[in-house]
Amino acid sequence: MSNEMQELLPGGSVRWVLSKEERQSIAESLDIEEHTFSKLKGNIMTRTREACQECGKLSGLDDFIQNAMEMGVHSRDFIIDVLHHGPQAASPAHGLQCSKCGEHFEGVWAWETEDWAQ
C-alpha cells in the first residue's frame, strides 16, 4: 500500500507524508510559522493512516500534536523540539482523536523512534 500520503516500509512501518493541510494545522496548533519545521517531510508510524468515521479526515501528526496540547501531555516547546530532533524515547501506544471534529479513531497509535522523521 503506497500513495501520496503514506508509504509501507520494509518491516511493516508506515511513512506518513505531511500534507499541506497537516502542516498548516500543526503550525496553527503550535502558533509557529510553517517554515519552522520545513525539513520534516513526514514521520514513521506503526500503522497506516485511517479516515475519521465522522468527517473523513485522515489521521495525522496534527492529531497527535493537538491531542497532546489539549490534554496537557506535552508542552509546546517540547513538541517543537520533537519536530526538529525526533522523539527521544519510545511512547506507549494510545488513543487518538480527530483534530477536525473530535471523533475517536479506532485502535491505538504509536510512532517508531528509529528513523522517526523521514
PDB file of N, CA and C in Angstrom:
ATOM      1  N   MET A   1       0.844  -1.174   0.000  1.00  0.00           N
ATOM      2  CA  MET A   1       0.000   0.000   0.000  1.00  0.00           C
ATOM      3  C   MET A   1       0.888   1.236   0.000  1.00  0.00           C
ATOM      4  N   SER A   2       0.711   2.014  -0.991  1.00  0.00           N
ATOM      5  CA  SER A   2       1.503   3.230  -1.106  1.00  0.00           C
ATOM      6  C   SER A   2       0.680   4.262  -1.857  1.00  0.00           C
ATOM      7  N   ASN A   3       0.670   5.470  -1.365  1.00  0.00           N
ATOM      8  CA  ASN A   3       0.043   6.571  -2.082  1.00  0.00           C
ATOM      9  C   ASN A   3       0.768   7.844  -1.698  1.00  0.00           C
ATOM     10  N   GLU A   4       0.234   8.990  -2.088  1.00  0.00           N
ATOM     11  CA  GLU A   4       0.952  10.233  -1.817  1.00  0.00           C
ATOM     12  C   GLU A   4       0.969  10.616  -0.346  1.00  0.00           C
ATOM     13  N   MET A   5       0.132  10.000   0.492  1.00  0.00           N
ATOM     14  CA  MET A   5       0.050  10.360   1.911  1.00  0.00           C
ATOM     15  C   MET A   5       0.763   9.372   2.834  1.00  0.00           C
ATOM     16  N   GLN A   6       1.078   8.188   2.335  1.00  0.00           N
ATOM     17  CA  GLN A   6       1.741   7.189   3.162  1.00  0.00           C
ATOM     18  C   GLN A   6       2.433   6.150   2.291  1.00  0.00           C
ATOM     19  N   GLU A   7       3.422   5.520   2.895  1.00  0.00           N
ATOM     20  CA  GLU A   7       4.194   4.522   2.161  1.00  0.00           C
ATOM     21  C   GLU A   7       4.566   3.392   3.113  1.00  0.00           C
ATOM     22  N   LEU A   8       4.222   2.169   2.736  1.00  0.00           N
ATOM     23  CA  LEU A   8       4.573   0.997   3.526  1.00  0.00           C
ATOM     24  C   LEU A   8       6.068   0.754   3.412  1.00  0.00           C
ATOM     25  N   LEU A   9       6.741   0.609   4.550  1.00  0.00           N
ATOM     26  CA  LEU A   9       8.190   0.415   4.577  1.00  0.00           C
ATOM     27  C   LEU A   9       8.528  -1.033   4.903  1.00  0.00           C
ATOM     28  N   PRO A  10       9.737  -1.488   4.558  1.00  0.00           N
ATOM     29  CA  PRO A  10      10.152  -2.832   4.941  1.00  0.00           C
ATOM     30  C   PRO A  10      10.045  -2.987   6.461  1.00  0.00           C
ATOM     31  N   GLY A  11       9.542  -4.119   6.912  1.00  0.00           N
ATOM     32  CA  GLY A  11       9.399  -4.350   8.343  1.00  0.00           C
ATOM     33  C   GLY A  11       8.032  -3.977   8.890  1.00  0.00           C
ATOM     34  N   GLY A  12       7.175  -3.389   8.044  1.00  0.00           N
ATOM     35  CA  GLY A  12       5.812  -3.106   8.460  1.00  0.00           C
ATOM     36  C   GLY A  12       5.516  -1.697   8.935  1.00  0.00           C
ATOM     37  N   SER A  13       6.522  -0.861   9.105  1.00  0.00           N
ATOM     38  CA  SER A  13       6.271   0.523   9.496  1.00  0.00           C
ATOM     39  C   SER A  13       5.695   1.292   8.306  1.00  0.00           C
ATOM     40  N   VAL A  14       5.109   2.448   8.595  1.00  0.00           N
ATOM     41  CA  VAL A  14       4.481   3.247   7.550  1.00  0.00           C
ATOM     42  C   VAL A  14       4.970   4.689   7.641  1.00  0.00           C
ATOM     43  N   ARG A  15       5.465   5.216   6.527  1.00  0.00           N
ATOM     44  CA  ARG A  15       5.851   6.628   6.471  1.00  0.00           C
ATOM     45  C   ARG A  15       4.585   7.430   6.170  1.00  0.00           C
ATOM     46  N   TRP A  16       4.246   8.346   7.090  1.00  0.00           N
ATOM     47  CA  TRP A  16       3.144   9.278   6.860  1.00  0.00           C
ATOM     48  C   TRP A  16       3.751  10.555   6.289  1.00  0.00           C
ATOM     49  N   VAL A  17       3.424  10.896   5.069  1.00  0.00           N
ATOM     50  CA  VAL A  17       3.928  12.097   4.423  1.00  0.00           C
ATOM     51  C   VAL A  17       3.031  13.271   4.838  1.00  0.00           C
ATOM     52  N   LEU A  18       3.639  14.356   5.316  1.00  0.00           N
ATOM     53  CA  LEU A  18       2.863  15.516   5.749  1.00  0.00           C
ATOM     54  C   LEU A  18       2.232  16.228   4.559  1.00  0.00           C
ATOM     55  N   SER A  19       0.947  16.468   4.647  1.00  0.00           N
ATOM     56  CA  SER A  19       0.245  17.230   3.613  1.00  0.00           C
ATOM     57  C   SER A  19       0.315  18.723   3.936  1.00  0.00           C
ATOM     58  N   LYS A  20      -0.030  19.538   2.973  1.00  0.00           N
ATOM     59  CA  LYS A  20      -0.067  20.987   3.181  1.00  0.00           C
ATOM     60  C   LYS A  20      -1.052  21.323   4.300  1.00  0.00           C
ATOM     61  N   GLU A  21      -2.215  20.697   4.292  1.00  0.00           N
ATOM     62  CA  GLU A  21      -3.228  20.949   5.316  1.00  0.00           C
ATOM     63  C   GLU A  21      -2.732  20.540   6.699  1.00  0.00           C
ATOM     64  N   GLU A  22      -2.029  19.420   6.766  1.00  0.00           N
ATOM     65  CA  GLU A  22      -1.481  18.941   8.036  1.00  0.00           C
ATOM     66  C   GLU A  22      -0.427  19.916   8.568  1.00  0.00           C
ATOM     67  N   ARG A  23       0.428  20.409   7.669  1.00  0.00           N
ATOM     68  CA  ARG A  23       1.434  21.404   8.071  1.00  0.00           C
ATOM     69  C   ARG A  23       0.768  22.666   8.617  1.00  0.00           C
ATOM     70  N   GLN A  24      -0.280  23.130   7.938  1.00  0.00           N
ATOM     71  CA  GLN A  24      -0.993  24.321   8.388  1.00  0.00           C
ATOM     72  C   GLN A  24      -1.620  24.097   9.761  1.00  0.00           C
ATOM     73  N   SER A  25      -2.209  22.937   9.959  1.00  0.00           N
ATOM     74  CA  SER A  25      -2.841  22.611  11.230  1.00  0.00           C
ATOM     75  C   SER A  25      -1.811  22.560  12.367  1.00  0.00           C
ATOM     76  N   ILE A  26      -0.651  21.959  12.097  1.00  0.00           N
ATOM     77  CA  ILE A  26       0.417  21.877  13.102  1.00  0.00           C
ATOM     78  C   ILE A  26       0.916  23.278  13.446  1.00  0.00           C
ATOM     79  N   ALA A  27       1.169  24.091  12.423  1.00  0.00           N
ATOM     80  CA  ALA A  27       1.655  25.449  12.658  1.00  0.00           C
ATOM     81  C   ALA A  27       0.645  26.243  13.486  1.00  0.00           C
ATOM     82  N   GLU A  28      -0.623  26.093  13.177  1.00  0.00           N
ATOM     83  CA  GLU A  28      -1.674  26.802  13.918  1.00  0.00           C
ATOM     84  C   GLU A  28      -1.742  26.317  15.374  1.00  0.00           C
ATOM     85  N   SER A  29      -1.695  25.001  15.578  1.00  0.00           N
ATOM     86  CA  SER A  29      -1.755  24.446  16.938  1.00  0.00           C
ATOM     87  C   SER A  29      -0.601  24.927  17.805  1.00  0.00           C
ATOM     88  N   LEU A  30       0.586  25.050  17.186  1.00  0.00           N
ATOM     89  CA  LEU A  30       1.782  25.433  17.941  1.00  0.00           C
ATOM     90  C   LEU A  30       2.061  26.933  17.876  1.00  0.00           C
ATOM     91  N   ASP A  31       1.257  27.663  17.115  1.00  0.00           N
ATOM     92  CA  ASP A  31       1.434  29.102  16.933  1.00  0.00           C
ATOM     93  C   ASP A  31       2.849  29.420  16.436  1.00  0.00           C
ATOM     94  N   ILE A  32       3.233  28.728  15.348  1.00  0.00           N
ATOM     95  CA  ILE A  32       4.536  28.931  14.719  1.00  0.00           C
ATOM     96  C   ILE A  32       4.339  29.030  13.207  1.00  0.00           C
ATOM     97  N   GLU A  33       5.368  29.500  12.516  1.00  0.00           N
ATOM     98  CA  GLU A  33       5.346  29.555  11.061  1.00  0.00           C
ATOM     99  C   GLU A  33       5.672  28.166  10.511  1.00  0.00           C
ATOM    100  N   GLU A  34       5.070  27.825   9.378  1.00  0.00           N
ATOM    101  CA  GLU A  34       5.310  26.515   8.764  1.00  0.00           C
ATOM    102  C   GLU A  34       6.786  26.275   8.456  1.00  0.00           C
ATOM    103  N   HIS A  35       7.524  27.308   8.079  1.00  0.00           N
ATOM    104  CA  HIS A  35       8.935  27.121   7.731  1.00  0.00           C
ATOM    105  C   HIS A  35       9.763  26.658   8.936  1.00  0.00           C
ATOM    106  N   THR A  36       9.231  26.813  10.150  1.00  0.00           N
ATOM    107  CA  THR A  36       9.930  26.381  11.365  1.00  0.00           C
ATOM    108  C   THR A  36      10.251  24.883  11.321  1.00  0.00           C
ATOM    109  N   PHE A  37       9.386  24.103  10.673  1.00  0.00           N
ATOM    110  CA  PHE A  37       9.614  22.652  10.594  1.00  0.00           C
ATOM    111  C   PHE A  37       9.575  22.173   9.144  1.00  0.00           C
ATOM    112  N   SER A  38      10.069  23.011   8.239  1.00  0.00           N
ATOM    113  CA  SER A  38      10.019  22.701   6.807  1.00  0.00           C
ATOM    114  C   SER A  38      10.857  21.483   6.412  1.00  0.00           C
ATOM    115  N   LYS A  39      11.872  21.151   7.204  1.00  0.00           N
ATOM    116  CA  LYS A  39      12.708  19.988   6.872  1.00  0.00           C
ATOM    117  C   LYS A  39      11.991  18.672   7.148  1.00  0.00           C
ATOM    118  N   LEU A  40      10.968  18.702   7.994  1.00  0.00           N
ATOM    119  CA  LEU A  40      10.212  17.492   8.326  1.00  0.00           C
ATOM    120  C   LEU A  40       9.287  17.153   7.163  1.00  0.00           C
ATOM    121  N   LYS A  41       9.554  16.033   6.516  1.00  0.00           N
ATOM    122  CA  LYS A  41       8.751  15.616   5.366  1.00  0.00           C
ATOM    123  C   LYS A  41       7.622  14.672   5.770  1.00  0.00           C
ATOM    124  N   GLY A  42       7.802  14.010   6.898  1.00  0.00           N
ATOM    125  CA  GLY A  42       6.814  13.052   7.380  1.00  0.00           C
ATOM    126  C   GLY A  42       7.363  12.357   8.599  1.00  0.00           C
ATOM    127  N   ASN A  43       6.636  11.367   9.079  1.00  0.00           N
ATOM    128  CA  ASN A  43       7.098  10.615  10.235  1.00  0.00           C
ATOM    129  C   ASN A  43       6.744   9.138  10.064  1.00  0.00           C
ATOM    130  N   ILE A  44       7.446   8.299  10.806  1.00  0.00           N
ATOM    131  CA  ILE A  44       7.283   6.850  10.679  1.00  0.00           C
ATOM    132  C   ILE A  44       6.387   6.342  11.804  1.00  0.00           C
ATOM    133  N   MET A  45       5.308   5.694  11.413  1.00  0.00           N
ATOM    134  CA  MET A  45       4.312   5.202  12.361  1.00  0.00           C
ATOM    135  C   MET A  45       4.245   3.685  12.330  1.00  0.00           C
ATOM    136  N   THR A  46       3.574   3.127  13.327  1.00  0.00           N
ATOM    137  CA  THR A  46       3.443   1.671  13.417  1.00  0.00           C
ATOM    138  C   THR A  46       2.233   1.145  12.650  1.00  0.00           C
ATOM    139  N   ARG A  47       1.405   2.041  12.120  1.00  0.00           N
ATOM    140  CA  ARG A  47       0.222   1.611  11.364  1.00  0.00           C
ATOM    141  C   ARG A  47      -0.143   2.644  10.305  1.00  0.00           C
ATOM    142  N   THR A  48      -1.013   2.254   9.402  1.00  0.00           N
ATOM    143  CA  THR A  48      -1.430   3.142   8.322  1.00  0.00           C
ATOM    144  C   THR A  48      -2.371   4.234   8.838  1.00  0.00           C
ATOM    145  N   ARG A  49      -2.469   5.294   8.066  1.00  0.00           N
ATOM    146  CA  ARG A  49      -3.442   6.348   8.357  1.00  0.00           C
ATOM    147  C   ARG A  49      -4.850   5.757   8.237  1.00  0.00           C
ATOM    148  N   GLU A  50      -5.775   6.334   8.968  1.00  0.00           N
ATOM    149  CA  GLU A  50      -7.180   5.921   8.887  1.00  0.00           C
ATOM    150  C   GLU A  50      -8.031   7.161   8.647  1.00  0.00           C
ATOM    151  N   ALA A  51      -9.120   6.993   7.952  1.00  0.00           N
ATOM    152  CA  ALA A  51     -10.066   8.092   7.755  1.00  0.00           C
ATOM    153  C   ALA A  51     -10.991   8.167   8.959  1.00  0.00           C
ATOM    154  N   CYS A  52     -11.218   9.380   9.444  1.00  0.00           N
ATOM    155  CA  CYS A  52     -12.159   9.602  10.544  1.00  0.00           C
ATOM    156  C   CYS A  52     -13.546   9.163  10.086  1.00  0.00           C
ATOM    157  N   GLN A  53     -14.228   8.399  10.913  1.00  0.00           N
ATOM    158  CA  GLN A  53     -15.548   7.909  10.519  1.00  0.00           C
ATOM    159  C   GLN A  53     -16.608   9.007  10.567  1.00  0.00           C
ATOM    160  N   GLU A  54     -16.302  10.120  11.221  1.00  0.00           N
ATOM    161  CA  GLU A  54     -17.254  11.228  11.307  1.00  0.00           C
ATOM    162  C   GLU A  54     -17.073  12.231  10.164  1.00  0.00           C
ATOM    163  N   CYS A  55     -15.827  12.707   9.952  1.00  0.00           N
ATOM    164  CA  CYS A  55     -15.611  13.788   8.971  1.00  0.00           C
ATOM    165  C   CYS A  55     -14.749  13.391   7.768  1.00  0.00           C
ATOM    166  N   GLY A  56     -14.097  12.218   7.820  1.00  0.00           N
ATOM    167  CA  GLY A  56     -13.297  11.746   6.690  1.00  0.00           C
ATOM    168  C   GLY A  56     -11.843  12.180   6.692  1.00  0.00           C
ATOM    169  N   LYS A  57     -11.438  13.045   7.640  1.00  0.00           N
ATOM    170  CA  LYS A  57     -10.039  13.493   7.713  1.00  0.00           C
ATOM    171  C   LYS A  57      -9.138  12.297   7.984  1.00  0.00           C
ATOM    172  N   LEU A  58      -7.990  12.247   7.300  1.00  0.00           N
ATOM    173  CA  LEU A  58      -7.024  11.188   7.572  1.00  0.00           C
ATOM    174  C   LEU A  58      -6.284  11.470   8.874  1.00  0.00           C
ATOM    175  N   SER A  59      -6.040  10.423   9.647  1.00  0.00           N
ATOM    176  CA  SER A  59      -5.244  10.578  10.869  1.00  0.00           C
ATOM    177  C   SER A  59      -3.885  11.125  10.486  1.00  0.00           C
ATOM    178  N   GLY A  60      -3.323  11.949  11.364  1.00  0.00           N
ATOM    179  CA  GLY A  60      -2.044  12.557  11.043  1.00  0.00           C
ATOM    180  C   GLY A  60      -1.304  13.057  12.263  1.00  0.00           C
ATOM    181  N   LEU A  61      -0.110  13.533  12.003  1.00  0.00           N
ATOM    182  CA  LEU A  61       0.721  14.089  13.066  1.00  0.00           C
ATOM    183  C   LEU A  61       0.022  15.273  13.723  1.00  0.00           C
ATOM    184  N   ASP A  62      -0.775  16.008  12.959  1.00  0.00           N
ATOM    185  CA  ASP A  62      -1.518  17.135  13.535  1.00  0.00           C
ATOM    186  C   ASP A  62      -2.478  16.688  14.632  1.00  0.00           C
ATOM    187  N   ASP A  63      -3.046  15.491  14.493  1.00  0.00           N
ATOM    188  CA  ASP A  63      -3.932  14.959  15.536  1.00  0.00           C
ATOM    189  C   ASP A  63      -3.146  14.679  16.814  1.00  0.00           C
ATOM    190  N   PHE A  64      -1.973  14.047  16.668  1.00  0.00           N
ATOM    191  CA  PHE A  64      -1.130  13.774  17.836  1.00  0.00           C
ATOM    192  C   PHE A  64      -0.774  15.065  18.566  1.00  0.00           C
ATOM    193  N   ILE A  65      -0.407  16.078  17.797  1.00  0.00           N
ATOM    194  CA  ILE A  65       0.014  17.348  18.400  1.00  0.00           C
ATOM    195  C   ILE A  65      -1.142  18.041  19.092  1.00  0.00           C
ATOM    196  N   GLN A  66      -2.277  18.135  18.414  1.00  0.00           N
ATOM    197  CA  GLN A  66      -3.420  18.793  19.037  1.00  0.00           C
ATOM    198  C   GLN A  66      -3.875  18.038  20.280  1.00  0.00           C
ATOM    199  N   ASN A  67      -3.909  16.707  20.215  1.00  0.00           N
ATOM    200  CA  ASN A  67      -4.306  15.907  21.377  1.00  0.00           C
ATOM    201  C   ASN A  67      -3.367  16.147  22.554  1.00  0.00           C
ATOM    202  N   ALA A  68      -2.059  16.138  22.292  1.00  0.00           N
ATOM    203  CA  ALA A  68      -1.069  16.337  23.358  1.00  0.00           C
ATOM    204  C   ALA A  68      -1.195  17.726  23.978  1.00  0.00           C
ATOM    205  N   MET A  69      -1.440  18.734  23.149  1.00  0.00           N
ATOM    206  CA  MET A  69      -1.580  20.100  23.644  1.00  0.00           C
ATOM    207  C   MET A  69      -2.859  20.239  24.489  1.00  0.00           C
ATOM    208  N   GLU A  70      -3.971  19.736  23.978  1.00  0.00           N
ATOM    209  CA  GLU A  70      -5.245  19.866  24.685  1.00  0.00           C
ATOM    210  C   GLU A  70      -5.264  19.095  26.004  1.00  0.00           C
ATOM    211  N   MET A  71      -4.594  17.951  26.031  1.00  0.00           N
ATOM    212  CA  MET A  71      -4.583  17.130  27.246  1.00  0.00           C
ATOM    213  C   MET A  71      -3.478  17.546  28.216  1.00  0.00           C
ATOM    214  N   GLY A  72      -2.612  18.462  27.799  1.00  0.00           N
ATOM    215  CA  GLY A  72      -1.520  18.895  28.656  1.00  0.00           C
ATOM    216  C   GLY A  72      -0.434  17.845  28.836  1.00  0.00           C
ATOM    217  N   VAL A  73      -0.352  16.905  27.888  1.00  0.00           N
ATOM    218  CA  VAL A  73       0.626  15.823  27.966  1.00  0.00           C
ATOM    219  C   VAL A  73       2.030  16.345  27.693  1.00  0.00           C
ATOM    220  N   HIS A  74       2.158  17.233  26.710  1.00  0.00           N
ATOM    221  CA  HIS A  74       3.452  17.811  26.348  1.00  0.00           C
ATOM    222  C   HIS A  74       3.307  19.312  26.179  1.00  0.00           C
ATOM    223  N   SER A  75       4.389  20.019  26.445  1.00  0.00           N
ATOM    224  CA  SER A  75       4.401  21.469  26.252  1.00  0.00           C
ATOM    225  C   SER A  75       4.644  21.791  24.785  1.00  0.00           C
ATOM    226  N   ARG A  76       4.319  22.989  24.411  1.00  0.00           N
ATOM    227  CA  ARG A  76       4.567  23.496  23.059  1.00  0.00           C
ATOM    228  C   ARG A  76       6.047  23.372  22.717  1.00  0.00           C
ATOM    229  N   ASP A  77       6.926  23.806  23.630  1.00  0.00           N
ATOM    230  CA  ASP A  77       8.367  23.765  23.374  1.00  0.00           C
ATOM    231  C   ASP A  77       8.861  22.335  23.190  1.00  0.00           C
ATOM    232  N   PHE A  78       8.332  21.411  23.985  1.00  0.00           N
ATOM    233  CA  PHE A  78       8.714  20.004  23.859  1.00  0.00           C
ATOM    234  C   PHE A  78       8.342  19.486  22.471  1.00  0.00           C
ATOM    235  N   ILE A  79       7.124  19.789  22.018  1.00  0.00           N
ATOM    236  CA  ILE A  79       6.666  19.306  20.715  1.00  0.00           C
ATOM    237  C   ILE A  79       7.502  19.911  19.589  1.00  0.00           C
ATOM    238  N   ILE A  80       7.810  21.178  19.678  1.00  0.00           N
ATOM    239  CA  ILE A  80       8.656  21.813  18.654  1.00  0.00           C
ATOM    240  C   ILE A  80      10.022  21.137  18.611  1.00  0.00           C
ATOM    241  N   ASP A  81      10.579  20.802  19.775  1.00  0.00           N
ATOM    242  CA  ASP A  81      11.856  20.100  19.815  1.00  0.00           C
ATOM    243  C   ASP A  81      11.749  18.738  19.132  1.00  0.00           C
ATOM    244  N   VAL A  82      10.659  18.025  19.371  1.00  0.00           N
ATOM    245  CA  VAL A  82      10.455  16.714  18.727  1.00  0.00           C
ATOM    246  C   VAL A  82      10.337  16.875  17.213  1.00  0.00           C
ATOM    247  N   LEU A  83       9.687  17.929  16.757  1.00  0.00           N
ATOM    248  CA  LEU A  83       9.588  18.168  15.306  1.00  0.00           C
ATOM    249  C   LEU A  83      10.966  18.362  14.678  1.00  0.00           C
ATOM    250  N   HIS A  84      11.887  18.950  15.432  1.00  0.00           N
ATOM    251  CA  HIS A  84      13.242  19.194  14.922  1.00  0.00           C
ATOM    252  C   HIS A  84      14.172  18.000  15.094  1.00  0.00           C
ATOM    253  N   HIS A  85      14.038  17.262  16.201  1.00  0.00           N
ATOM    254  CA  HIS A  85      15.020  16.234  16.553  1.00  0.00           C
ATOM    255  C   HIS A  85      14.452  14.825  16.680  1.00  0.00           C
ATOM    256  N   GLY A  86      13.151  14.668  16.550  1.00  0.00           N
ATOM    257  CA  GLY A  86      12.514  13.368  16.722  1.00  0.00           C
ATOM    258  C   GLY A  86      12.329  13.046  18.190  1.00  0.00           C
ATOM    259  N   PRO A  87      11.543  12.014  18.474  1.00  0.00           N
ATOM    260  CA  PRO A  87      11.314  11.635  19.869  1.00  0.00           C
ATOM    261  C   PRO A  87      12.587  11.069  20.485  1.00  0.00           C
ATOM    262  N   GLN A  88      12.784  11.322  21.765  1.00  0.00           N
ATOM    263  CA  GLN A  88      13.974  10.848  22.465  1.00  0.00           C
ATOM    264  C   GLN A  88      13.762   9.499  23.127  1.00  0.00           C
ATOM    265  N   ALA A  89      12.516   9.034  23.161  1.00  0.00           N
ATOM    266  CA  ALA A  89      12.204   7.734  23.772  1.00  0.00           C
ATOM    267  C   ALA A  89      10.944   7.183  23.116  1.00  0.00           C
ATOM    268  N   ALA A  90      10.728   5.907  23.326  1.00  0.00           N
ATOM    269  CA  ALA A  90       9.522   5.275  22.805  1.00  0.00           C
ATOM    270  C   ALA A  90       8.313   5.805  23.572  1.00  0.00           C
ATOM    271  N   SER A  91       7.183   5.798  22.924  1.00  0.00           N
ATOM    272  CA  SER A  91       5.934   6.220  23.553  1.00  0.00           C
ATOM    273  C   SER A  91       4.995   5.031  23.569  1.00  0.00           C
ATOM    274  N   PRO A  92       4.263   4.858  24.656  1.00  0.00           N
ATOM    275  CA  PRO A  92       3.273   3.778  24.642  1.00  0.00           C
ATOM    276  C   PRO A  92       2.179   4.099  23.624  1.00  0.00           C
ATOM    277  N   ALA A  93       1.642   3.072  23.019  1.00  0.00           N
ATOM    278  CA  ALA A  93       0.539   3.267  22.089  1.00  0.00           C
ATOM    279  C   ALA A  93      -0.650   3.836  22.863  1.00  0.00           C
ATOM    280  N   HIS A  94      -1.392   4.721  22.213  1.00  0.00           N
ATOM    281  CA  HIS A  94      -2.520   5.353  22.894  1.00  0.00           C
ATOM    282  C   HIS A  94      -3.611   5.721  21.907  1.00  0.00           C
ATOM    283  N   GLY A  95      -4.771   6.105  22.432  1.00  0.00           N
ATOM    284  CA  GLY A  95      -5.882   6.514  21.605  1.00  0.00           C
ATOM    285  C   GLY A  95      -5.588   7.818  20.891  1.00  0.00           C
ATOM    286  N   LEU A  96      -6.406   8.139  19.897  1.00  0.00           N
ATOM    287  CA  LEU A  96      -6.199   9.346  19.096  1.00  0.00           C
ATOM    288  C   LEU A  96      -7.549   9.913  18.692  1.00  0.00           C
ATOM    289  N   GLN A  97      -7.709  11.223  18.870  1.00  0.00           N
ATOM    290  CA  GLN A  97      -8.915  11.924  18.449  1.00  0.00           C
ATOM    291  C   GLN A  97      -8.636  12.755  17.211  1.00  0.00           C
ATOM    292  N   CYS A  98      -9.621  12.848  16.348  1.00  0.00           N
ATOM    293  CA  CYS A  98      -9.526  13.668  15.150  1.00  0.00           C
ATOM    294  C   CYS A  98      -9.441  15.137  15.558  1.00  0.00           C
ATOM    295  N   SER A  99      -8.453  15.835  15.033  1.00  0.00           N
ATOM    296  CA  SER A  99      -8.279  17.246  15.369  1.00  0.00           C
ATOM    297  C   SER A  99      -9.302  18.139  14.672  1.00  0.00           C
ATOM    298  N   LYS A 100     -10.013  17.600  13.710  1.00  0.00           N
ATOM    299  CA  LYS A 100     -11.015  18.393  12.988  1.00  0.00           C
ATOM    300  C   LYS A 100     -12.386  18.335  13.666  1.00  0.00           C
ATOM    301  N   CYS A 101     -12.815  17.132  14.089  1.00  0.00           N
ATOM    302  CA  CYS A 101     -14.175  17.008  14.628  1.00  0.00           C
ATOM    303  C   CYS A 101     -14.236  16.423  16.041  1.00  0.00           C
ATOM    304  N   GLY A 102     -13.120  15.878  16.537  1.00  0.00           N
ATOM    305  CA  GLY A 102     -13.102  15.330  17.891  1.00  0.00           C
ATOM    306  C   GLY A 102     -13.469  13.864  18.003  1.00  0.00           C
ATOM    307  N   GLU A 103     -13.862  13.235  16.903  1.00  0.00           N
ATOM    308  CA  GLU A 103     -14.209  11.814  16.907  1.00  0.00           C
ATOM    309  C   GLU A 103     -12.962  10.986  17.237  1.00  0.00           C
ATOM    310  N   HIS A 104     -13.139   9.875  17.949  1.00  0.00           N
ATOM    311  CA  HIS A 104     -12.015   8.987  18.262  1.00  0.00           C
ATOM    312  C   HIS A 104     -11.735   8.062  17.083  1.00  0.00           C
ATOM    313  N   PHE A 105     -10.466   7.997  16.694  1.00  0.00           N
ATOM    314  CA  PHE A 105     -10.058   6.995  15.711  1.00  0.00           C
ATOM    315  C   PHE A 105     -10.036   5.647  16.415  1.00  0.00           C
ATOM    316  N   GLU A 106     -10.292   4.584  15.686  1.00  0.00           N
ATOM    317  CA  GLU A 106     -10.301   3.250  16.278  1.00  0.00           C
ATOM    318  C   GLU A 106      -8.887   2.771  16.568  1.00  0.00           C
ATOM    319  N   GLY A 107      -8.739   1.986  17.617  1.00  0.00           N
ATOM    320  CA  GLY A 107      -7.473   1.350  17.950  1.00  0.00           C
ATOM    321  C   GLY A 107      -6.509   2.273  18.669  1.00  0.00           C
ATOM    322  N   VAL A 108      -5.271   1.810  18.736  1.00  0.00           N
ATOM    323  CA  VAL A 108      -4.214   2.574  19.389  1.00  0.00           C
ATOM    324  C   VAL A 108      -3.152   2.959  18.361  1.00  0.00           C
ATOM    325  N   TRP A 109      -2.389   4.012  18.687  1.00  0.00           N
ATOM    326  CA  TRP A 109      -1.470   4.629  17.743  1.00  0.00           C
ATOM    327  C   TRP A 109      -0.118   4.827  18.393  1.00  0.00           C
ATOM    328  N   ALA A 110       0.945   4.632  17.624  1.00  0.00           N
ATOM    329  CA  ALA A 110       2.310   4.840  18.123  1.00  0.00           C
ATOM    330  C   ALA A 110       3.221   5.146  16.942  1.00  0.00           C
ATOM    331  N   TRP A 111       4.355   5.750  17.249  1.00  0.00           N
ATOM    332  CA  TRP A 111       5.344   6.050  16.220  1.00  0.00           C
ATOM    333  C   TRP A 111       6.607   5.257  16.486  1.00  0.00           C
ATOM    334  N   GLU A 112       7.385   5.132  15.443  1.00  0.00           N
ATOM    335  CA  GLU A 112       8.685   4.464  15.547  1.00  0.00           C
ATOM    336  C   GLU A 112       9.720   5.495  15.995  1.00  0.00           C
ATOM    337  N   THR A 113      10.598   5.105  16.893  1.00  0.00           N
ATOM    338  CA  THR A 113      11.631   6.037  17.326  1.00  0.00           C
ATOM    339  C   THR A 113      12.847   5.986  16.393  1.00  0.00           C
ATOM    340  N   GLU A 114      13.088   4.855  15.775  1.00  0.00           N
ATOM    341  CA  GLU A 114      14.188   4.739  14.810  1.00  0.00           C
ATOM    342  C   GLU A 114      13.763   5.420  13.505  1.00  0.00           C
ATOM    343  N   ASP A 115      14.585   6.304  13.004  1.00  0.00           N
ATOM    344  CA  ASP A 115      14.316   6.984  11.741  1.00  0.00           C
ATOM    345  C   ASP A 115      12.916   7.620  11.721  1.00  0.00           C
ATOM    346  N   TRP A 116      12.545   8.269  12.829  1.00  0.00           N
ATOM    347  CA  TRP A 116      11.213   8.798  13.026  1.00  0.00           C
ATOM    348  C   TRP A 116      10.779   9.766  11.932  1.00  0.00           C
ATOM    349  N   ALA A 117      11.609  10.690  11.599  1.00  0.00           N
ATOM    350  CA  ALA A 117      11.231  11.718  10.618  1.00  0.00           C
ATOM    351  C   ALA A 117      11.988  11.499   9.318  1.00  0.00           C
ATOM    352  N   GLN A 118      11.276  11.094   8.317  1.00  0.00           N
ATOM    353  CA  GLN A 118      11.903  10.860   7.010  1.00  0.00           C
ATOM    354  C   GLN A 118      11.079  11.509   5.931  1.00  0.00           C
TER     355      GLN A 118
END
